PDB file of all heavy atoms in Angstrom:
ATOM      1  N   ARG A   1      27.739  75.589 163.356  1.00  0.00           N
ATOM      2  CA  ARG A   1      27.138  74.418 163.976  1.00  0.00           C
ATOM      3  C   ARG A   1      26.583  74.771 165.348  1.00  0.00           C
ATOM      4  O   ARG A   1      27.036  75.708 165.996  1.00  0.00           O
ATOM      5  CB  ARG A   1      28.139  73.269 164.089  1.00  0.00           C
ATOM      6  CG  ARG A   1      29.275  73.508 165.078  1.00  0.00           C
ATOM      7  CD  ARG A   1      30.261  72.350 165.026  1.00  0.00           C
ATOM      8  NE  ARG A   1      31.342  72.506 165.984  1.00  0.00           N
ATOM      9  CZ  ARG A   1      32.391  71.703 166.050  1.00  0.00           C
ATOM     10  NH1 ARG A   1      32.509  70.672 165.207  1.00  0.00           N
ATOM     11  NH2 ARG A   1      33.337  71.925 166.965  1.00  0.00           N
ATOM     12  N   GLN A   2      25.589  73.997 165.770  1.00  0.00           N
ATOM     13  CA  GLN A   2      24.981  74.206 167.066  1.00  0.00           C
ATOM     14  C   GLN A   2      24.795  72.863 167.755  1.00  0.00           C
ATOM     15  O   GLN A   2      24.022  72.025 167.297  1.00  0.00           O
ATOM     16  CB  GLN A   2      23.641  74.929 166.938  1.00  0.00           C
ATOM     17  CG  GLN A   2      23.035  75.328 168.266  1.00  0.00           C
ATOM     18  CD  GLN A   2      21.901  76.321 168.106  1.00  0.00           C
ATOM     19  OE1 GLN A   2      21.354  76.482 167.021  1.00  0.00           O
ATOM     20  NE2 GLN A   2      21.558  76.999 169.183  1.00  0.00           N
ATOM     21  N   ALA A   3      25.520  72.668 168.837  1.00  0.00           N
ATOM     22  CA  ALA A   3      25.420  71.451 169.628  1.00  0.00           C
ATOM     23  C   ALA A   3      24.333  71.608 170.678  1.00  0.00           C
ATOM     24  O   ALA A   3      23.958  72.730 171.038  1.00  0.00           O
ATOM     25  CB  ALA A   3      26.761  71.152 170.293  1.00  0.00           C
ATOM     26  N   PRO A   4      23.804  70.492 171.195  1.00  0.00           N
ATOM     27  CA  PRO A   4      22.764  70.587 172.222  1.00  0.00           C
ATOM     28  C   PRO A   4      23.205  71.414 173.418  1.00  0.00           C
ATOM     29  O   PRO A   4      24.284  71.197 173.971  1.00  0.00           O
ATOM     30  CB  PRO A   4      22.550  69.124 172.624  1.00  0.00           C
ATOM     31  CG  PRO A   4      22.940  68.347 171.412  1.00  0.00           C
ATOM     32  CD  PRO A   4      24.095  69.101 170.821  1.00  0.00           C
ATOM     33  N   GLY A   5      22.371  72.366 173.801  1.00  0.00           N
ATOM     34  CA  GLY A   5      22.662  73.199 174.952  1.00  0.00           C
ATOM     35  C   GLY A   5      23.700  74.279 174.728  1.00  0.00           C
ATOM     36  O   GLY A   5      24.097  74.948 175.685  1.00  0.00           O
ATOM     37  N   LYS A   6      24.140  74.462 173.497  1.00  0.00           N
ATOM     38  CA  LYS A   6      25.164  75.454 173.202  1.00  0.00           C
ATOM     39  C   LYS A   6      24.682  76.438 172.142  1.00  0.00           C
ATOM     40  O   LYS A   6      23.733  76.174 171.414  1.00  0.00           O
ATOM     41  CB  LYS A   6      26.449  74.781 172.732  1.00  0.00           C
ATOM     42  CG  LYS A   6      27.058  73.823 173.736  1.00  0.00           C
ATOM     43  CD  LYS A   6      28.367  73.254 173.234  1.00  0.00           C
ATOM     44  CE  LYS A   6      29.449  74.315 173.172  1.00  0.00           C
ATOM     45  NZ  LYS A   6      30.769  73.741 172.767  1.00  0.00           N
ATOM     46  N   GLU A   7      25.351  77.575 172.069  1.00  0.00           N
ATOM     47  CA  GLU A   7      25.047  78.574 171.057  1.00  0.00           C
ATOM     48  C   GLU A   7      25.614  78.148 169.703  1.00  0.00           C
ATOM     49  O   GLU A   7      26.560  77.362 169.624  1.00  0.00           O
ATOM     50  CB  GLU A   7      25.629  79.924 171.457  1.00  0.00           C
ATOM     51  CG  GLU A   7      25.029  80.524 172.720  1.00  0.00           C
ATOM     52  CD  GLU A   7      23.582  80.888 172.539  1.00  0.00           C
ATOM     53  OE1 GLU A   7      23.235  81.462 171.477  1.00  0.00           O
ATOM     54  OE2 GLU A   7      22.785  80.608 173.441  1.00  0.00           O
ATOM     55  N   ARG A   8      25.009  78.676 168.648  1.00  0.00           N
ATOM     56  CA  ARG A   8      25.528  78.413 167.320  1.00  0.00           C
ATOM     57  C   ARG A   8      26.910  79.050 167.174  1.00  0.00           C
ATOM     58  O   ARG A   8      27.104  80.219 167.509  1.00  0.00           O
ATOM     59  CB  ARG A   8      24.574  78.969 166.262  1.00  0.00           C
ATOM     60  CG  ARG A   8      24.912  78.552 164.845  1.00  0.00           C
ATOM     61  CD  ARG A   8      23.844  78.997 163.856  1.00  0.00           C
ATOM     62  NE  ARG A   8      22.539  78.442 164.187  1.00  0.00           N
ATOM     63  CZ  ARG A   8      21.451  78.598 163.444  1.00  0.00           C
ATOM     64  NH1 ARG A   8      21.512  79.294 162.299  1.00  0.00           N
ATOM     65  NH2 ARG A   8      20.306  78.069 163.822  1.00  0.00           N
ATOM     66  N   GLU A   9      27.862  78.278 166.682  1.00  0.00           N
ATOM     67  CA  GLU A   9      29.225  78.756 166.573  1.00  0.00           C
ATOM     68  C   GLU A   9      29.747  78.611 165.151  1.00  0.00           C
ATOM     69  O   GLU A   9      29.354  77.702 164.412  1.00  0.00           O
ATOM     70  CB  GLU A   9      30.143  77.999 167.536  1.00  0.00           C
ATOM     71  CG  GLU A   9      30.272  76.520 167.230  1.00  0.00           C
ATOM     72  CD  GLU A   9      31.276  75.814 168.116  1.00  0.00           C
ATOM     73  OE1 GLU A   9      31.970  76.480 168.898  1.00  0.00           O
ATOM     74  OE2 GLU A   9      31.364  74.567 168.020  1.00  0.00           O
ATOM     75  N   ALA A  10      30.646  79.499 164.792  1.00  0.00           N
ATOM     76  CA  ALA A  10      31.262  79.462 163.471  1.00  0.00           C
ATOM     77  C   ALA A  10      32.284  78.340 163.402  1.00  0.00           C
ATOM     78  O   ALA A  10      33.065  78.138 164.329  1.00  0.00           O
ATOM     79  CB  ALA A  10      31.918  80.795 163.157  1.00  0.00           C
ATOM     80  N   VAL A  11      32.283  77.625 162.292  1.00  0.00           N
ATOM     81  CA  VAL A  11      33.204  76.521 162.063  1.00  0.00           C
ATOM     82  C   VAL A  11      34.277  76.890 161.053  1.00  0.00           C
ATOM     83  O   VAL A  11      35.464  76.652 161.277  1.00  0.00           O
ATOM     84  CB  VAL A  11      32.448  75.263 161.593  1.00  0.00           C
ATOM     85  CG1 VAL A  11      33.419  74.145 161.243  1.00  0.00           C
ATOM     86  CG2 VAL A  11      31.467  74.804 162.659  1.00  0.00           C
ATOM     87  N   SER A  12      33.851  77.475 159.935  1.00  0.00           N
ATOM     88  CA  SER A  12      34.788  77.803 158.873  1.00  0.00           C
ATOM     89  C   SER A  12      34.192  78.848 157.949  1.00  0.00           C
ATOM     90  O   SER A  12      32.978  79.012 157.875  1.00  0.00           O
ATOM     91  CB  SER A  12      35.147  76.543 158.075  1.00  0.00           C
ATOM     92  OG  SER A  12      36.149  76.811 157.110  1.00  0.00           O
ATOM     93  N   CYS A  13      35.062  79.537 157.221  1.00  0.00           N
ATOM     94  CA  CYS A  13      34.620  80.609 156.334  1.00  0.00           C
ATOM     95  C   CYS A  13      35.651  80.847 155.235  1.00  0.00           C
ATOM     96  O   CYS A  13      36.856  80.697 155.456  1.00  0.00           O
ATOM     97  CB  CYS A  13      34.401  81.891 157.137  1.00  0.00           C
ATOM     98  SG  CYS A  13      34.158  83.397 156.165  1.00  0.00           S
ATOM     99  N   ILE A  14      35.164  81.221 154.061  1.00  0.00           N
ATOM    100  CA  ILE A  14      36.005  81.790 153.007  1.00  0.00           C
ATOM    101  C   ILE A  14      35.468  83.184 152.721  1.00  0.00           C
ATOM    102  O   ILE A  14      34.322  83.330 152.303  1.00  0.00           O
ATOM    103  CB  ILE A  14      35.989  80.953 151.716  1.00  0.00           C
ATOM    104  CG1 ILE A  14      36.514  79.542 151.968  1.00  0.00           C
ATOM    105  CG2 ILE A  14      36.836  81.634 150.641  1.00  0.00           C
ATOM    106  CD1 ILE A  14      36.441  78.640 150.753  1.00  0.00           C
ATOM    107  N   ARG A  15      36.276  84.193 152.960  1.00  0.00           N
ATOM    108  CA  ARG A  15      35.858  85.564 152.728  1.00  0.00           C
ATOM    109  C   ARG A  15      36.047  85.962 151.272  1.00  0.00           C
ATOM    110  O   ARG A  15      37.044  85.601 150.652  1.00  0.00           O
ATOM    111  CB  ARG A  15      36.648  86.522 153.630  1.00  0.00           C
ATOM    112  CG  ARG A  15      36.379  86.336 155.105  1.00  0.00           C
ATOM    113  CD  ARG A  15      37.081  87.407 155.926  1.00  0.00           C
ATOM    114  NE  ARG A  15      38.528  87.277 155.880  1.00  0.00           N
ATOM    115  CZ  ARG A  15      39.355  88.237 155.502  1.00  0.00           C
ATOM    116  NH1 ARG A  15      38.876  89.428 155.141  1.00  0.00           N
ATOM    117  NH2 ARG A  15      40.660  88.032 155.496  1.00  0.00           N
ATOM    118  N   ARG A  16      35.093  86.724 150.749  1.00  0.00           N
ATOM    119  CA  ARG A  16      35.170  87.188 149.370  1.00  0.00           C
ATOM    120  C   ARG A  16      36.431  87.987 149.122  1.00  0.00           C
ATOM    121  O   ARG A  16      37.062  87.857 148.069  1.00  0.00           O
ATOM    122  CB  ARG A  16      33.947  88.050 149.034  1.00  0.00           C
ATOM    123  CG  ARG A  16      33.821  88.428 147.569  1.00  0.00           C
ATOM    124  CD  ARG A  16      32.832  89.549 147.388  1.00  0.00           C
ATOM    125  NE  ARG A  16      33.369  90.820 147.864  1.00  0.00           N
ATOM    126  CZ  ARG A  16      32.674  91.947 147.964  1.00  0.00           C
ATOM    127  NH1 ARG A  16      31.370  91.953 147.649  1.00  0.00           N
ATOM    128  NH2 ARG A  16      33.248  93.059 148.394  1.00  0.00           N
ATOM    129  N   THR A  17      36.805  88.785 150.075  1.00  0.00           N
ATOM    130  CA  THR A  17      37.933  89.687 149.918  1.00  0.00           C
ATOM    131  C   THR A  17      39.282  89.020 150.125  1.00  0.00           C
ATOM    132  O   THR A  17      40.319  89.650 149.903  1.00  0.00           O
ATOM    133  CB  THR A  17      37.812  90.869 150.886  1.00  0.00           C
ATOM    134  OG1 THR A  17      37.657  90.388 152.217  1.00  0.00           O
ATOM    135  CG2 THR A  17      36.620  91.736 150.518  1.00  0.00           C
ATOM    136  N   SER A  18      39.288  87.767 150.549  1.00  0.00           N
ATOM    137  CA  SER A  18      40.537  87.083 150.833  1.00  0.00           C
ATOM    138  C   SER A  18      40.709  85.796 150.039  1.00  0.00           C
ATOM    139  O   SER A  18      41.698  85.624 149.335  1.00  0.00           O
ATOM    140  CB  SER A  18      40.645  86.778 152.324  1.00  0.00           C
ATOM    141  OG  SER A  18      41.798  85.998 152.601  1.00  0.00           O
ATOM    142  N   GLY A  19      39.751  84.895 150.172  1.00  0.00           N
ATOM    143  CA  GLY A  19      39.867  83.591 149.553  1.00  0.00           C
ATOM    144  C   GLY A  19      40.580  82.581 150.424  1.00  0.00           C
ATOM    145  O   GLY A  19      40.442  81.371 150.216  1.00  0.00           O
ATOM    146  N   SER A  20      41.334  83.062 151.401  1.00  0.00           N
ATOM    147  CA  SER A  20      42.015  82.186 152.340  1.00  0.00           C
ATOM    148  C   SER A  20      41.046  81.805 153.455  1.00  0.00           C
ATOM    149  O   SER A  20      40.434  82.683 154.063  1.00  0.00           O
ATOM    150  CB  SER A  20      43.243  82.887 152.914  1.00  0.00           C
ATOM    151  OG  SER A  20      43.949  82.046 153.799  1.00  0.00           O
ATOM    152  N   PRO A  21      40.876  80.521 153.739  1.00  0.00           N
ATOM    153  CA  PRO A  21      39.849  80.108 154.698  1.00  0.00           C
ATOM    154  C   PRO A  21      40.205  80.369 156.157  1.00  0.00           C
ATOM    155  O   PRO A  21      41.376  80.421 156.528  1.00  0.00           O
ATOM    156  CB  PRO A  21      39.729  78.604 154.441  1.00  0.00           C
ATOM    157  CG  PRO A  21      41.085  78.209 153.949  1.00  0.00           C
ATOM    158  CD  PRO A  21      41.558  79.378 153.128  1.00  0.00           C
ATOM    159  N   HIS A  22      39.165  80.524 156.957  1.00  0.00           N
ATOM    160  CA  HIS A  22      39.280  80.609 158.399  1.00  0.00           C
ATOM    161  C   HIS A  22      38.681  79.349 159.011  1.00  0.00           C
ATOM    162  O   HIS A  22      37.709  78.802 158.490  1.00  0.00           O
ATOM    163  CB  HIS A  22      38.527  81.825 158.951  1.00  0.00           C
ATOM    164  CG  HIS A  22      39.041  83.136 158.453  1.00  0.00           C
ATOM    165  ND1 HIS A  22      39.958  83.877 159.150  1.00  0.00           N
ATOM    166  CD2 HIS A  22      38.749  83.835 157.327  1.00  0.00           C
ATOM    167  CE1 HIS A  22      40.223  84.990 158.476  1.00  0.00           C
ATOM    168  NE2 HIS A  22      39.502  84.988 157.371  1.00  0.00           N
ATOM    169  N   TYR A  23      39.247  78.900 160.137  1.00  0.00           N
ATOM    170  CA  TYR A  23      38.743  77.732 160.834  1.00  0.00           C
ATOM    171  C   TYR A  23      38.729  77.976 162.334  1.00  0.00           C
ATOM    172  O   TYR A  23      39.634  78.612 162.875  1.00  0.00           O
ATOM    173  CB  TYR A  23      39.599  76.500 160.558  1.00  0.00           C
ATOM    174  CG  TYR A  23      39.556  76.026 159.133  1.00  0.00           C
ATOM    175  CD1 TYR A  23      40.559  76.373 158.236  1.00  0.00           C
ATOM    176  CD2 TYR A  23      38.504  75.234 158.678  1.00  0.00           C
ATOM    177  CE1 TYR A  23      40.515  75.945 156.917  1.00  0.00           C
ATOM    178  CE2 TYR A  23      38.455  74.799 157.362  1.00  0.00           C
ATOM    179  CZ  TYR A  23      39.463  75.159 156.487  1.00  0.00           C
ATOM    180  OH  TYR A  23      39.420  74.731 155.177  1.00  0.00           O
ATOM    181  N   ALA A  24      37.698  77.458 162.984  1.00  0.00           N
ATOM    182  CA  ALA A  24      37.705  77.434 164.434  1.00  0.00           C
ATOM    183  C   ALA A  24      38.839  76.537 164.906  1.00  0.00           C
ATOM    184  O   ALA A  24      39.173  75.547 164.256  1.00  0.00           O
ATOM    185  CB  ALA A  24      36.365  76.916 164.960  1.00  0.00           C
ATOM    186  N   GLU A  25      39.426  76.881 166.042  1.00  0.00           N
ATOM    187  CA  GLU A  25      40.541  76.103 166.559  1.00  0.00           C
ATOM    188  C   GLU A  25      40.166  74.640 166.788  1.00  0.00           C
ATOM    189  O   GLU A  25      41.007  73.753 166.618  1.00  0.00           O
ATOM    190  CB  GLU A  25      41.061  76.716 167.858  1.00  0.00           C
ATOM    191  CG  GLU A  25      41.815  78.022 167.672  1.00  0.00           C
ATOM    192  CD  GLU A  25      43.073  77.854 166.849  1.00  0.00           C
ATOM    193  OE1 GLU A  25      43.751  76.818 166.996  1.00  0.00           O
ATOM    194  OE2 GLU A  25      43.387  78.767 166.054  1.00  0.00           O
ATOM    195  N   SER A  26      38.927  74.391 167.131  1.00  0.00           N
ATOM    196  CA  SER A  26      38.489  73.044 167.438  1.00  0.00           C
ATOM    197  C   SER A  26      38.454  72.116 166.225  1.00  0.00           C
ATOM    198  O   SER A  26      38.445  70.895 166.388  1.00  0.00           O
ATOM    199  CB  SER A  26      37.102  73.078 168.092  1.00  0.00           C
ATOM    200  OG  SER A  26      36.159  73.699 167.235  1.00  0.00           O
ATOM    201  N   VAL A  27      38.429  72.677 165.020  1.00  0.00           N
ATOM    202  CA  VAL A  27      38.351  71.857 163.814  1.00  0.00           C
ATOM    203  C   VAL A  27      39.559  72.013 162.906  1.00  0.00           C
ATOM    204  O   VAL A  27      39.674  71.295 161.907  1.00  0.00           O
ATOM    205  CB  VAL A  27      37.071  72.159 163.004  1.00  0.00           C
ATOM    206  CG1 VAL A  27      35.834  72.051 163.887  1.00  0.00           C
ATOM    207  CG2 VAL A  27      37.145  73.546 162.361  1.00  0.00           C
ATOM    208  N   LYS A  28      40.447  72.906 163.228  1.00  0.00           N
ATOM    209  CA  LYS A  28      41.613  73.167 162.386  1.00  0.00           C
ATOM    210  C   LYS A  28      42.439  71.900 162.196  1.00  0.00           C
ATOM    211  O   LYS A  28      42.750  71.187 163.153  1.00  0.00           O
ATOM    212  CB  LYS A  28      42.457  74.276 163.004  1.00  0.00           C
ATOM    213  CG  LYS A  28      43.534  74.836 162.092  1.00  0.00           C
ATOM    214  CD  LYS A  28      44.190  76.073 162.707  1.00  0.00           C
ATOM    215  CE  LYS A  28      43.188  77.200 162.889  1.00  0.00           C
ATOM    216  NZ  LYS A  28      43.828  78.430 163.447  1.00  0.00           N
ATOM    217  N   GLY A  29      42.786  71.634 160.957  1.00  0.00           N
ATOM    218  CA  GLY A  29      43.541  70.445 160.633  1.00  0.00           C
ATOM    219  C   GLY A  29      42.690  69.223 160.353  1.00  0.00           C
ATOM    220  O   GLY A  29      43.204  68.212 159.867  1.00  0.00           O
ATOM    221  N   ARG A  30      41.391  69.307 160.642  1.00  0.00           N
ATOM    222  CA  ARG A  30      40.483  68.180 160.428  1.00  0.00           C
ATOM    223  C   ARG A  30      39.400  68.481 159.393  1.00  0.00           C
ATOM    224  O   ARG A  30      38.984  67.589 158.662  1.00  0.00           O
ATOM    225  CB  ARG A  30      39.814  67.772 161.738  1.00  0.00           C
ATOM    226  CG  ARG A  30      40.795  67.347 162.822  1.00  0.00           C
ATOM    227  CD  ARG A  30      40.072  66.768 164.033  1.00  0.00           C
ATOM    228  NE  ARG A  30      39.204  67.756 164.672  1.00  0.00           N
ATOM    229  CZ  ARG A  30      37.882  67.649 164.780  1.00  0.00           C
ATOM    230  NH1 ARG A  30      37.271  66.582 164.282  1.00  0.00           N
ATOM    231  NH2 ARG A  30      37.182  68.597 165.399  1.00  0.00           N
ATOM    232  N   PHE A  31      38.930  69.727 159.340  1.00  0.00           N
ATOM    233  CA  PHE A  31      37.854  70.123 158.434  1.00  0.00           C
ATOM    234  C   PHE A  31      38.404  70.980 157.299  1.00  0.00           C
ATOM    235  O   PHE A  31      39.379  71.722 157.478  1.00  0.00           O
ATOM    236  CB  PHE A  31      36.789  70.931 159.175  1.00  0.00           C
ATOM    237  CG  PHE A  31      35.960  70.145 160.155  1.00  0.00           C
ATOM    238  CD1 PHE A  31      36.292  68.853 160.529  1.00  0.00           C
ATOM    239  CD2 PHE A  31      34.832  70.732 160.712  1.00  0.00           C
ATOM    240  CE1 PHE A  31      35.522  68.145 161.438  1.00  0.00           C
ATOM    241  CE2 PHE A  31      34.055  70.033 161.620  1.00  0.00           C
ATOM    242  CZ  PHE A  31      34.398  68.744 161.984  1.00  0.00           C
ATOM    243  N   THR A  32      37.753  70.901 156.141  1.00  0.00           N
ATOM    244  CA  THR A  32      38.130  71.713 154.989  1.00  0.00           C
ATOM    245  C   THR A  32      36.885  72.293 154.334  1.00  0.00           C
ATOM    246  O   THR A  32      35.964  71.553 153.982  1.00  0.00           O
ATOM    247  CB  THR A  32      38.911  70.894 153.957  1.00  0.00           C
ATOM    248  OG1 THR A  32      40.079  70.323 154.558  1.00  0.00           O
ATOM    249  CG2 THR A  32      39.344  71.789 152.797  1.00  0.00           C
ATOM    250  N   ILE A  33      36.866  73.601 154.154  1.00  0.00           N
ATOM    251  CA  ILE A  33      35.763  74.262 153.469  1.00  0.00           C
ATOM    252  C   ILE A  33      36.143  74.486 152.008  1.00  0.00           C
ATOM    253  O   ILE A  33      37.302  74.769 151.697  1.00  0.00           O
ATOM    254  CB  ILE A  33      35.406  75.599 154.152  1.00  0.00           C
ATOM    255  CG1 ILE A  33      34.157  76.224 153.528  1.00  0.00           C
ATOM    256  CG2 ILE A  33      36.582  76.573 154.095  1.00  0.00           C
ATOM    257  CD1 ILE A  33      33.656  77.453 154.279  1.00  0.00           C
ATOM    258  N   SER A  34      35.180  74.355 151.114  1.00  0.00           N
ATOM    259  CA  SER A  34      35.443  74.558 149.698  1.00  0.00           C
ATOM    260  C   SER A  34      34.156  74.907 148.974  1.00  0.00           C
ATOM    261  O   SER A  34      33.068  74.815 149.541  1.00  0.00           O
ATOM    262  CB  SER A  34      36.087  73.318 149.070  1.00  0.00           C
ATOM    263  OG  SER A  34      35.205  72.212 149.116  1.00  0.00           O
TER     264      SER A  34
END
């Protein structure tokens, strides 16, 4: 995501080699990737 005046930042990811998702601290517990 990219907010006004800010750089594009990673929010969440599922890696092919893992399957376990990653989340930015700012969205952890609120967002779910699938």
